[in-house]
Amino acid sequence: MTVFAGILLLLNALVNVACWPTFLGRVARDVRARDERGRPTRFLRVHQVLVAIAMVLAAASAVAGVWLLVS
């Protein structure tokens, strides 16, 4: 069961690292991401925070997955 949990955590980290940056790229190209002066809008900033949190959680999942597989 520990091996299964470790693999699942590593897969979770991999999917997050693969999907979220792509999503942020699409958000950054959206017309709502910048105002008339080219400054970032709240729409872009909120999504940047969401992606940053997702990356931290992906890193934590990767560390926990490796720890479960090694221990």
Protein backbone atom coordinates (compact mmCIF):
# COMPACT_ATOMS: atom_id res chain seq x y z
CA MET A 1 0.00 0.00 0.00
CA THR A 2 2.89 2.36 0.72
CA VAL A 3 4.35 1.82 -2.74
CA PHE A 4 0.96 2.54 -4.30
CA ALA A 5 0.63 5.78 -2.32
CA GLY A 6 4.16 6.86 -3.28
CA ILE A 7 3.54 6.22 -6.97
CA LEU A 8 0.19 8.01 -6.79
CA LEU A 9 1.80 11.06 -5.21
CA LEU A 10 4.52 11.14 -7.86
CA LEU A 11 1.94 10.86 -10.64
CA ASN A 12 -0.03 13.68 -9.05
CA ALA A 13 3.08 15.86 -9.01
CA LEU A 14 3.83 15.03 -12.64
CA VAL A 15 0.32 15.87 -13.82
CA ASN A 16 0.33 19.18 -11.92
CA VAL A 17 3.72 20.18 -13.36
CA ALA A 18 2.56 19.23 -16.87
CA CYS A 19 -0.86 20.92 -16.81
CA TRP A 20 -0.72 24.09 -14.73
CA PRO A 21 2.04 25.97 -16.60
CA THR A 22 0.23 25.33 -19.88
CA PHE A 23 -2.95 26.68 -18.33
CA LEU A 24 -1.13 29.80 -17.14
CA GLY A 25 0.18 30.38 -20.64
CA ARG A 26 -3.35 30.33 -21.99
CA VAL A 27 -4.52 32.69 -19.26
CA ALA A 28 -1.64 35.09 -19.97
CA ARG A 29 -2.69 35.29 -23.64
CA ASP A 30 -6.32 35.99 -22.71
CA VAL A 31 -7.55 39.53 -23.42
CA ARG A 32 -8.66 39.83 -19.77
CA ALA A 33 -5.09 39.34 -18.53
CA ARG A 34 -3.92 42.89 -19.32
CA ASP A 35 -5.60 46.27 -19.18
CA GLU A 36 -5.43 49.01 -21.83
CA ARG A 37 -1.98 50.08 -20.62
CA GLY A 38 -0.61 46.54 -20.70
CA ARG A 39 -0.53 46.10 -16.92
CA PRO A 40 -1.54 42.76 -15.39
CA THR A 41 -5.15 42.63 -14.22
CA ARG A 42 -6.57 40.92 -11.16
CA PHE A 43 -7.65 38.07 -13.47
CA LEU A 44 -4.01 37.31 -14.32
CA ARG A 45 -2.71 37.80 -10.77
CA VAL A 46 -5.29 35.44 -9.27
CA HIS A 47 -4.37 32.75 -11.76
CA GLN A 48 -0.66 33.28 -11.12
CA VAL A 49 -1.29 32.70 -7.41
CA LEU A 50 -3.33 29.57 -8.15
CA VAL A 51 -0.57 28.14 -10.32
CA ALA A 52 2.07 28.99 -7.72
CA ILE A 53 0.08 27.17 -5.04
CA ALA A 54 -0.38 24.20 -7.37
CA MET A 55 3.38 24.06 -7.99
CA VAL A 56 4.12 24.12 -4.25
CA LEU A 57 1.62 21.29 -3.73
CA ALA A 58 3.20 19.38 -6.62
CA ALA A 59 6.62 19.74 -5.02
CA ALA A 60 5.22 18.56 -1.69
CA SER A 61 3.57 15.59 -3.40
CA ALA A 62 6.84 14.69 -5.12
CA VAL A 63 8.80 14.87 -1.88
CA ALA A 64 6.20 12.80 -0.03
CA GLY A 65 6.07 10.27 -2.86
CA VAL A 66 9.82 9.83 -2.91
CA TRP A 67 9.89 9.62 0.88
CA LEU A 68 7.24 6.88 0.86
CA LEU A 69 9.08 4.90 -1.80
CA VAL A 70 12.46 5.20 -0.10
CA SER A 71 11.32 4.46 3.46
